[in-house]
Amino acid sequence: MIRVLTRFTLMLTAVVFLAACSSGTKGRCHKVREYQKAESAPFLVIPEGLAPLDPNLRLKIPDGPLNLEAVPEGQPCLDYPPRYFREG
């Protein structure tokens, strides 16, 4: 009984992971994403007595123009690789 339950649990977990990997990714680049509007913020001020933050863990947003446009409908998303084999 325990063996059957373990197999069932493993199969159910595998199905859930496979379903999660394939859901909701199509057309995601055709909308402006929240990260496209990201801006740098000043360092946090750490109160005395607490350990300072590691400065190497800071993410710096590069200077330059922001891309606030989504990929037009009908254009491929960058997260999909180009076709390798010719069709036909």
PDB file of N, CA and C in Angstrom:
ATOM      1  N   MET A   1       0.820  -1.196   0.000  1.00  0.00           N
ATOM      2  CA  MET A   1       0.000   0.000   0.000  1.00  0.00           C
ATOM      3  C   MET A   1       0.866   1.264   0.000  1.00  0.00           C
ATOM      4  N   ILE A   2       1.900   1.269   0.828  1.00  0.00           N
ATOM      5  CA  ILE A   2       2.782   2.434   0.900  1.00  0.00           C
ATOM      6  C   ILE A   2       3.525   2.613  -0.423  1.00  0.00           C
ATOM      7  N   ARG A   3       3.923   1.501  -1.045  1.00  0.00           N
ATOM      8  CA  ARG A   3       4.630   1.552  -2.316  1.00  0.00           C
ATOM      9  C   ARG A   3       3.762   2.176  -3.406  1.00  0.00           C
ATOM     10  N   VAL A   4       2.497   1.797  -3.444  1.00  0.00           N
ATOM     11  CA  VAL A   4       1.567   2.346  -4.433  1.00  0.00           C
ATOM     12  C   VAL A   4       1.360   3.833  -4.185  1.00  0.00           C
ATOM     13  N   LEU A   5       1.224   4.224  -2.939  1.00  0.00           N
ATOM     14  CA  LEU A   5       1.034   5.623  -2.589  1.00  0.00           C
ATOM     15  C   LEU A   5       2.265   6.447  -2.949  1.00  0.00           C
ATOM     16  N   THR A   6       3.441   5.899  -2.732  1.00  0.00           N
ATOM     17  CA  THR A   6       4.679   6.590  -3.083  1.00  0.00           C
ATOM     18  C   THR A   6       4.782   6.785  -4.596  1.00  0.00           C
ATOM     19  N   ARG A   7       4.477   5.753  -5.368  1.00  0.00           N
ATOM     20  CA  ARG A   7       4.508   5.865  -6.827  1.00  0.00           C
ATOM     21  C   ARG A   7       3.496   6.896  -7.311  1.00  0.00           C
ATOM     22  N   PHE A   8       2.312   6.856  -6.739  1.00  0.00           N
ATOM     23  CA  PHE A   8       1.279   7.811  -7.131  1.00  0.00           C
ATOM     24  C   PHE A   8       1.733   9.242  -6.832  1.00  0.00           C
ATOM     25  N   THR A   9       2.316   9.461  -5.672  1.00  0.00           N
ATOM     26  CA  THR A   9       2.791  10.788  -5.289  1.00  0.00           C
ATOM     27  C   THR A   9       3.891  11.267  -6.232  1.00  0.00           C
ATOM     28  N   LEU A  10       4.825  10.400  -6.588  1.00  0.00           N
ATOM     29  CA  LEU A  10       5.891  10.766  -7.509  1.00  0.00           C
ATOM     30  C   LEU A  10       5.343  11.095  -8.899  1.00  0.00           C
ATOM     31  N   MET A  11       4.401  10.306  -9.372  1.00  0.00           N
ATOM     32  CA  MET A  11       3.813  10.572 -10.694  1.00  0.00           C
ATOM     33  C   MET A  11       3.026  11.873 -10.679  1.00  0.00           C
ATOM     34  N   LEU A  12       2.279  12.121  -9.613  1.00  0.00           N
ATOM     35  CA  LEU A  12       1.509  13.352  -9.511  1.00  0.00           C
ATOM     36  C   LEU A  12       2.434  14.566  -9.466  1.00  0.00           C
ATOM     37  N   THR A  13       3.534  14.458  -8.741  1.00  0.00           N
ATOM     38  CA  THR A  13       4.509  15.541  -8.669  1.00  0.00           C
ATOM     39  C   THR A  13       5.117  15.821 -10.045  1.00  0.00           C
ATOM     40  N   ALA A  14       5.455  14.773 -10.775  1.00  0.00           N
ATOM     41  CA  ALA A  14       6.024  14.945 -12.116  1.00  0.00           C
ATOM     42  C   ALA A  14       5.028  15.626 -13.055  1.00  0.00           C
ATOM     43  N   VAL A  15       3.768  15.229 -12.994  1.00  0.00           N
ATOM     44  CA  VAL A  15       2.749  15.829 -13.849  1.00  0.00           C
ATOM     45  C   VAL A  15       2.565  17.305 -13.510  1.00  0.00           C
ATOM     46  N   VAL A  16       2.562  17.637 -12.224  1.00  0.00           N
ATOM     47  CA  VAL A  16       2.402  19.029 -11.806  1.00  0.00           C
ATOM     48  C   VAL A  16       3.570  19.874 -12.307  1.00  0.00           C
ATOM     49  N   PHE A  17       4.796  19.371 -12.186  1.00  0.00           N
ATOM     50  CA  PHE A  17       5.960  20.121 -12.662  1.00  0.00           C
ATOM     51  C   PHE A  17       5.922  20.310 -14.172  1.00  0.00           C
ATOM     52  N   LEU A  18       5.554  19.280 -14.901  1.00  0.00           N
ATOM     53  CA  LEU A  18       5.476  19.404 -16.359  1.00  0.00           C
ATOM     54  C   LEU A  18       4.393  20.393 -16.776  1.00  0.00           C
ATOM     55  N   ALA A  19       3.278  20.378 -16.084  1.00  0.00           N
ATOM     56  CA  ALA A  19       2.199  21.313 -16.407  1.00  0.00           C
ATOM     57  C   ALA A  19       2.614  22.744 -16.083  1.00  0.00           C
ATOM     58  N   ALA A  20       3.343  22.941 -15.009  1.00  0.00           N
ATOM     59  CA  ALA A  20       3.777  24.287 -14.620  1.00  0.00           C
ATOM     60  C   ALA A  20       4.784  24.845 -15.618  1.00  0.00           C
ATOM     61  N   CYS A  21       5.614  23.995 -16.188  1.00  0.00           N
ATOM     62  CA  CYS A  21       6.611  24.469 -17.147  1.00  0.00           C
ATOM     63  C   CYS A  21       5.991  24.932 -18.452  1.00  0.00           C
ATOM     64  N   SER A  22       4.854  24.390 -18.806  1.00  0.00           N
ATOM     65  CA  SER A  22       4.289  24.713 -20.110  1.00  0.00           C
ATOM     66  C   SER A  22       3.126  25.690 -20.045  1.00  0.00           C
ATOM     67  N   SER A  23       2.748  26.122 -18.866  1.00  0.00           N
ATOM     68  CA  SER A  23       1.561  26.975 -18.779  1.00  0.00           C
ATOM     69  C   SER A  23       1.925  28.451 -18.799  1.00  0.00           C
ATOM     70  N   GLY A  24       1.173  29.216 -19.539  1.00  0.00           N
ATOM     71  CA  GLY A  24       1.258  30.664 -19.496  1.00  0.00           C
ATOM     72  C   GLY A  24       2.471  31.314 -20.122  1.00  0.00           C
ATOM     73  N   THR A  25       3.218  30.623 -20.956  1.00  0.00           N
ATOM     74  CA  THR A  25       4.403  31.252 -21.531  1.00  0.00           C
ATOM     75  C   THR A  25       4.151  31.799 -22.924  1.00  0.00           C
ATOM     76  N   LYS A  26       3.126  31.362 -23.592  1.00  0.00           N
ATOM     77  CA  LYS A  26       2.898  31.794 -24.975  1.00  0.00           C
ATOM     78  C   LYS A  26       2.402  33.235 -24.994  1.00  0.00           C
ATOM     79  N   GLY A  27       3.074  34.085 -25.760  1.00  0.00           N
ATOM     80  CA  GLY A  27       2.651  35.461 -25.901  1.00  0.00           C
ATOM     81  C   GLY A  27       2.985  36.360 -24.732  1.00  0.00           C
ATOM     82  N   ARG A  28       3.831  35.918 -23.851  1.00  0.00           N
ATOM     83  CA  ARG A  28       4.155  36.703 -22.675  1.00  0.00           C
ATOM     84  C   ARG A  28       4.904  37.986 -23.016  1.00  0.00           C
ATOM     85  N   CYS A  29       5.634  37.996 -24.116  1.00  0.00           N
ATOM     86  CA  CYS A  29       6.437  39.166 -24.474  1.00  0.00           C
ATOM     87  C   CYS A  29       5.618  40.227 -25.195  1.00  0.00           C
ATOM     88  N   HIS A  30       4.369  39.960 -25.483  1.00  0.00           N
ATOM     89  CA  HIS A  30       3.548  40.915 -26.211  1.00  0.00           C
ATOM     90  C   HIS A  30       2.862  41.924 -25.295  1.00  0.00           C
ATOM     91  N   LYS A  31       3.254  41.927 -24.031  1.00  0.00           N
ATOM     92  CA  LYS A  31       2.757  42.908 -23.057  1.00  0.00           C
ATOM     93  C   LYS A  31       3.969  43.563 -22.404  1.00  0.00           C
ATOM     94  N   VAL A  32       3.841  44.820 -22.016  1.00  0.00           N
ATOM     95  CA  VAL A  32       4.927  45.493 -21.301  1.00  0.00           C
ATOM     96  C   VAL A  32       5.033  44.863 -19.908  1.00  0.00           C
ATOM     97  N   ARG A  33       6.223  44.419 -19.559  1.00  0.00           N
ATOM     98  CA  ARG A  33       6.440  43.740 -18.279  1.00  0.00           C
ATOM     99  C   ARG A  33       6.870  44.753 -17.220  1.00  0.00           C
ATOM    100  N   GLU A  34       6.623  44.413 -15.974  1.00  0.00           N
ATOM    101  CA  GLU A  34       6.930  45.311 -14.854  1.00  0.00           C
ATOM    102  C   GLU A  34       8.425  45.643 -14.777  1.00  0.00           C
ATOM    103  N   TYR A  35       9.283  44.685 -15.064  1.00  0.00           N
ATOM    104  CA  TYR A  35      10.718  44.928 -14.951  1.00  0.00           C
ATOM    105  C   TYR A  35      11.228  45.922 -15.988  1.00  0.00           C
ATOM    106  N   GLN A  36      10.473  46.146 -17.059  1.00  0.00           N
ATOM    107  CA  GLN A  36      10.909  47.097 -18.081  1.00  0.00           C
ATOM    108  C   GLN A  36      10.877  48.528 -17.550  1.00  0.00           C
ATOM    109  N   LYS A  37      10.149  48.771 -16.470  1.00  0.00           N
ATOM    110  CA  LYS A  37      10.043  50.111 -15.890  1.00  0.00           C
ATOM    111  C   LYS A  37      10.937  50.267 -14.652  1.00  0.00           C
ATOM    112  N   ALA A  38      11.840  49.322 -14.430  1.00  0.00           N
ATOM    113  CA  ALA A  38      12.665  49.335 -13.224  1.00  0.00           C
ATOM    114  C   ALA A  38      13.616  50.523 -13.203  1.00  0.00           C
ATOM    115  N   GLU A  39      13.833  51.047 -12.015  1.00  0.00           N
ATOM    116  CA  GLU A  39      14.762  52.159 -11.812  1.00  0.00           C
ATOM    117  C   GLU A  39      15.673  51.824 -10.637  1.00  0.00           C
ATOM    118  N   SER A  40      16.873  52.389 -10.650  1.00  0.00           N
ATOM    119  CA  SER A  40      17.789  52.178  -9.531  1.00  0.00           C
ATOM    120  C   SER A  40      17.287  52.919  -8.298  1.00  0.00           C
ATOM    121  N   ALA A  41      17.591  52.376  -7.141  1.00  0.00           N
ATOM    122  CA  ALA A  41      17.205  52.987  -5.868  1.00  0.00           C
ATOM    123  C   ALA A  41      18.470  53.193  -5.032  1.00  0.00           C
ATOM    124  N   PRO A  42      18.444  54.124  -4.099  1.00  0.00           N
ATOM    125  CA  PRO A  42      19.636  54.338  -3.261  1.00  0.00           C
ATOM    126  C   PRO A  42      19.881  53.140  -2.338  1.00  0.00           C
ATOM    127  N   PHE A  43      21.127  53.055  -1.848  1.00  0.00           N
ATOM    128  CA  PHE A  43      21.471  51.997  -0.899  1.00  0.00           C
ATOM    129  C   PHE A  43      20.584  52.079   0.335  1.00  0.00           C
ATOM    130  N   LEU A  44      20.336  50.945   0.952  1.00  0.00           N
ATOM    131  CA  LEU A  44      19.610  50.925   2.217  1.00  0.00           C
ATOM    132  C   LEU A  44      20.515  51.432   3.326  1.00  0.00           C
ATOM    133  N   VAL A  45      19.955  52.146   4.264  1.00  0.00           N
ATOM    134  CA  VAL A  45      20.711  52.596   5.427  1.00  0.00           C
ATOM    135  C   VAL A  45      20.501  51.540   6.515  1.00  0.00           C
ATOM    136  N   ILE A  46      21.589  50.898   6.898  1.00  0.00           N
ATOM    137  CA  ILE A  46      21.522  49.827   7.892  1.00  0.00           C
ATOM    138  C   ILE A  46      21.747  50.430   9.268  1.00  0.00           C
ATOM    139  N   PRO A  47      20.834  50.183  10.209  1.00  0.00           N
ATOM    140  CA  PRO A  47      21.007  50.725  11.561  1.00  0.00           C
ATOM    141  C   PRO A  47      22.256  50.151  12.234  1.00  0.00           C
ATOM    142  N   GLU A  48      22.807  50.931  13.159  1.00  0.00           N
ATOM    143  CA  GLU A  48      23.982  50.475  13.897  1.00  0.00           C
ATOM    144  C   GLU A  48      23.641  49.217  14.679  1.00  0.00           C
ATOM    145  N   GLY A  49      24.617  48.330  14.746  1.00  0.00           N
ATOM    146  CA  GLY A  49      24.425  47.080  15.468  1.00  0.00           C
ATOM    147  C   GLY A  49      24.024  45.923  14.561  1.00  0.00           C
ATOM    148  N   LEU A  50      23.598  46.222  13.359  1.00  0.00           N
ATOM    149  CA  LEU A  50      23.256  45.170  12.408  1.00  0.00           C
ATOM    150  C   LEU A  50      24.398  44.998  11.410  1.00  0.00           C
ATOM    151  N   ALA A  51      24.519  43.791  10.884  1.00  0.00           N
ATOM    152  CA  ALA A  51      25.575  43.512   9.915  1.00  0.00           C
ATOM    153  C   ALA A  51      25.285  44.237   8.605  1.00  0.00           C
ATOM    154  N   PRO A  52      26.307  44.853   8.016  1.00  0.00           N
ATOM    155  CA  PRO A  52      26.080  45.549   6.744  1.00  0.00           C
ATOM    156  C   PRO A  52      25.804  44.550   5.617  1.00  0.00           C
ATOM    157  N   LEU A  53      25.127  45.031   4.595  1.00  0.00           N
ATOM    158  CA  LEU A  53      24.847  44.202   3.432  1.00  0.00           C
ATOM    159  C   LEU A  53      26.096  44.055   2.577  1.00  0.00           C
ATOM    160  N   ASP A  54      26.199  42.944   1.906  1.00  0.00           N
ATOM    161  CA  ASP A  54      27.322  42.705   1.009  1.00  0.00           C
ATOM    162  C   ASP A  54      27.143  43.576  -0.239  1.00  0.00           C
ATOM    163  N   PRO A  55      28.063  44.506  -0.516  1.00  0.00           N
ATOM    164  CA  PRO A  55      27.903  45.390  -1.675  1.00  0.00           C
ATOM    165  C   PRO A  55      27.965  44.642  -3.010  1.00  0.00           C
ATOM    166  N   ASN A  56      28.518  43.434  -3.020  1.00  0.00           N
ATOM    167  CA  ASN A  56      28.586  42.655  -4.255  1.00  0.00           C
ATOM    168  C   ASN A  56      27.227  42.093  -4.672  1.00  0.00           C
ATOM    169  N   LEU A  57      26.265  42.097  -3.770  1.00  0.00           N
ATOM    170  CA  LEU A  57      24.948  41.553  -4.073  1.00  0.00           C
ATOM    171  C   LEU A  57      24.003  42.602  -4.647  1.00  0.00           C
ATOM    172  N   ARG A  58      24.474  43.824  -4.766  1.00  0.00           N
ATOM    173  CA  ARG A  58      23.637  44.896  -5.286  1.00  0.00           C
ATOM    174  C   ARG A  58      23.464  44.740  -6.799  1.00  0.00           C
ATOM    175  N   LEU A  59      22.239  44.879  -7.270  1.00  0.00           N
ATOM    176  CA  LEU A  59      21.956  44.843  -8.698  1.00  0.00           C
ATOM    177  C   LEU A  59      21.879  46.268  -9.209  1.00  0.00           C
ATOM    178  N   LYS A  60      22.710  46.600 -10.156  1.00  0.00           N
ATOM    179  CA  LYS A  60      22.698  47.932 -10.732  1.00  0.00           C
ATOM    180  C   LYS A  60      22.017  47.868 -12.086  1.00  0.00           C
ATOM    181  N   ILE A  61      21.068  48.729 -12.268  1.00  0.00           N
ATOM    182  CA  ILE A  61      20.401  48.835 -13.557  1.00  0.00           C
ATOM    183  C   ILE A  61      21.249  49.743 -14.420  1.00  0.00           C
ATOM    184  N   PRO A  62      21.679  49.268 -15.576  1.00  0.00           N
ATOM    185  CA  PRO A  62      22.553  50.087 -16.427  1.00  0.00           C
ATOM    186  C   PRO A  62      21.864  51.374 -16.873  1.00  0.00           C
ATOM    187  N   ASP A  63      22.664  52.429 -17.005  1.00  0.00           N
ATOM    188  CA  ASP A  63      22.141  53.685 -17.525  1.00  0.00           C
ATOM    189  C   ASP A  63      21.820  53.525 -19.001  1.00  0.00           C
ATOM    190  N   GLY A  64      20.865  54.268 -19.457  1.00  0.00           N
ATOM    191  CA  GLY A  64      20.504  54.230 -20.867  1.00  0.00           C
ATOM    192  C   GLY A  64      19.000  54.309 -21.032  1.00  0.00           C
ATOM    193  N   PRO A  65      18.551  54.316 -22.256  1.00  0.00           N
ATOM    194  CA  PRO A  65      17.117  54.430 -22.501  1.00  0.00           C
ATOM    195  C   PRO A  65      16.379  53.156 -22.081  1.00  0.00           C
ATOM    196  N   LEU A  66      15.192  53.342 -21.557  1.00  0.00           N
ATOM    197  CA  LEU A  66      14.360  52.212 -21.168  1.00  0.00           C
ATOM    198  C   LEU A  66      13.561  51.724 -22.368  1.00  0.00           C
ATOM    199  N   ASN A  67      13.403  50.424 -22.464  1.00  0.00           N
ATOM    200  CA  ASN A  67      12.563  49.856 -23.509  1.00  0.00           C
ATOM    201  C   ASN A  67      11.176  49.647 -22.906  1.00  0.00           C
ATOM    202  N   LEU A  68      10.270  50.555 -23.174  1.00  0.00           N
ATOM    203  CA  LEU A  68       8.928  50.475 -22.603  1.00  0.00           C
ATOM    204  C   LEU A  68       7.912  49.965 -23.618  1.00  0.00           C
ATOM    205  N   GLU A  69       8.399  49.303 -24.652  1.00  0.00           N
ATOM    206  CA  GLU A  69       7.504  48.776 -25.670  1.00  0.00           C
ATOM    207  C   GLU A  69       7.503  47.255 -25.630  1.00  0.00           C
ATOM    208  N   ALA A  70       6.328  46.690 -25.847  1.00  0.00           N
ATOM    209  CA  ALA A  70       6.213  45.241 -25.942  1.00  0.00           C
ATOM    210  C   ALA A  70       6.550  44.808 -27.361  1.00  0.00           C
ATOM    211  N   VAL A  71       6.845  43.535 -27.534  1.00  0.00           N
ATOM    212  CA  VAL A  71       7.085  42.987 -28.865  1.00  0.00           C
ATOM    213  C   VAL A  71       5.755  42.989 -29.616  1.00  0.00           C
ATOM    214  N   PRO A  72       5.711  43.520 -30.840  1.00  0.00           N
ATOM    215  CA  PRO A  72       4.455  43.559 -31.583  1.00  0.00           C
ATOM    216  C   PRO A  72       3.886  42.161 -31.828  1.00  0.00           C
ATOM    217  N   GLU A  73       2.569  42.086 -31.879  1.00  0.00           N
ATOM    218  CA  GLU A  73       1.906  40.814 -32.173  1.00  0.00           C
ATOM    219  C   GLU A  73       2.411  40.290 -33.510  1.00  0.00           C
ATOM    220  N   GLY A  74       2.609  39.004 -33.604  1.00  0.00           N
ATOM    221  CA  GLY A  74       3.092  38.391 -34.835  1.00  0.00           C
ATOM    222  C   GLY A  74       4.604  38.272 -34.894  1.00  0.00           C
ATOM    223  N   GLN A  75       5.315  39.043 -34.069  1.00  0.00           N
ATOM    224  CA  GLN A  75       6.772  38.953 -34.006  1.00  0.00           C
ATOM    225  C   GLN A  75       7.154  37.903 -32.968  1.00  0.00           C
ATOM    226  N   PRO A  76       8.245  37.158 -33.180  1.00  0.00           N
ATOM    227  CA  PRO A  76       8.630  36.132 -32.204  1.00  0.00           C
ATOM    228  C   PRO A  76       9.196  36.752 -30.925  1.00  0.00           C
ATOM    229  N   CYS A  77       8.971  36.077 -29.820  1.00  0.00           N
ATOM    230  CA  CYS A  77       9.527  36.497 -28.531  1.00  0.00           C
ATOM    231  C   CYS A  77      10.996  36.064 -28.452  1.00  0.00           C
ATOM    232  N   LEU A  78      11.792  36.823 -27.729  1.00  0.00           N
ATOM    233  CA  LEU A  78      13.210  36.487 -27.602  1.00  0.00           C
ATOM    234  C   LEU A  78      13.441  35.232 -26.772  1.00  0.00           C
ATOM    235  N   ASP A  79      12.479  34.860 -25.917  1.00  0.00           N
ATOM    236  CA  ASP A  79      12.699  33.683 -25.093  1.00  0.00           C
ATOM    237  C   ASP A  79      12.417  32.388 -25.841  1.00  0.00           C
ATOM    238  N   TYR A  80      12.029  32.487 -27.120  1.00  0.00           N
ATOM    239  CA  TYR A  80      11.867  31.304 -27.951  1.00  0.00           C
ATOM    240  C   TYR A  80      13.026  31.260 -28.937  1.00  0.00           C
ATOM    241  N   PRO A  81      13.792  30.174 -28.971  1.00  0.00           N
ATOM    242  CA  PRO A  81      14.931  30.111 -29.889  1.00  0.00           C
ATOM    243  C   PRO A  81      14.446  30.023 -31.339  1.00  0.00           C
ATOM    244  N   PRO A  82      15.272  30.469 -32.291  1.00  0.00           N
ATOM    245  CA  PRO A  82      14.881  30.351 -33.694  1.00  0.00           C
ATOM    246  C   PRO A  82      14.835  28.883 -34.106  1.00  0.00           C
ATOM    247  N   ARG A  83      14.090  28.608 -35.162  1.00  0.00           N
ATOM    248  CA  ARG A  83      13.992  27.238 -35.661  1.00  0.00           C
ATOM    249  C   ARG A  83      15.354  26.800 -36.195  1.00  0.00           C
ATOM    250  N   TYR A  84      15.742  25.613 -35.879  1.00  0.00           N
ATOM    251  CA  TYR A  84      17.037  25.079 -36.311  1.00  0.00           C
ATOM    252  C   TYR A  84      16.921  24.332 -37.630  1.00  0.00           C
ATOM    253  N   PHE A  85      15.861  23.525 -37.764  1.00  0.00           N
ATOM    254  CA  PHE A  85      15.663  22.728 -38.960  1.00  0.00           C
ATOM    255  C   PHE A  85      14.697  23.423 -39.899  1.00  0.00           C
ATOM    256  N   ARG A  86      14.931  23.264 -41.191  1.00  0.00           N
ATOM    257  CA  ARG A  86      13.987  23.789 -42.170  1.00  0.00           C
ATOM    258  C   ARG A  86      12.736  22.949 -42.179  1.00  0.00           C
ATOM    259  N   GLU A  87      11.636  23.600 -42.446  1.00  0.00           N
ATOM    260  CA  GLU A  87      10.369  22.866 -42.532  1.00  0.00           C
ATOM    261  C   GLU A  87      10.267  22.240 -43.910  1.00  0.00           C
ATOM    262  N   GLY A  88       9.650  21.042 -43.945  1.00  0.00           N
ATOM    263  CA  GLY A  88       9.390  20.408 -45.241  1.00  0.00           C
ATOM    264  C   GLY A  88      10.290  19.352 -45.531  1.00  0.00           C
TER     265      GLY A  88
END
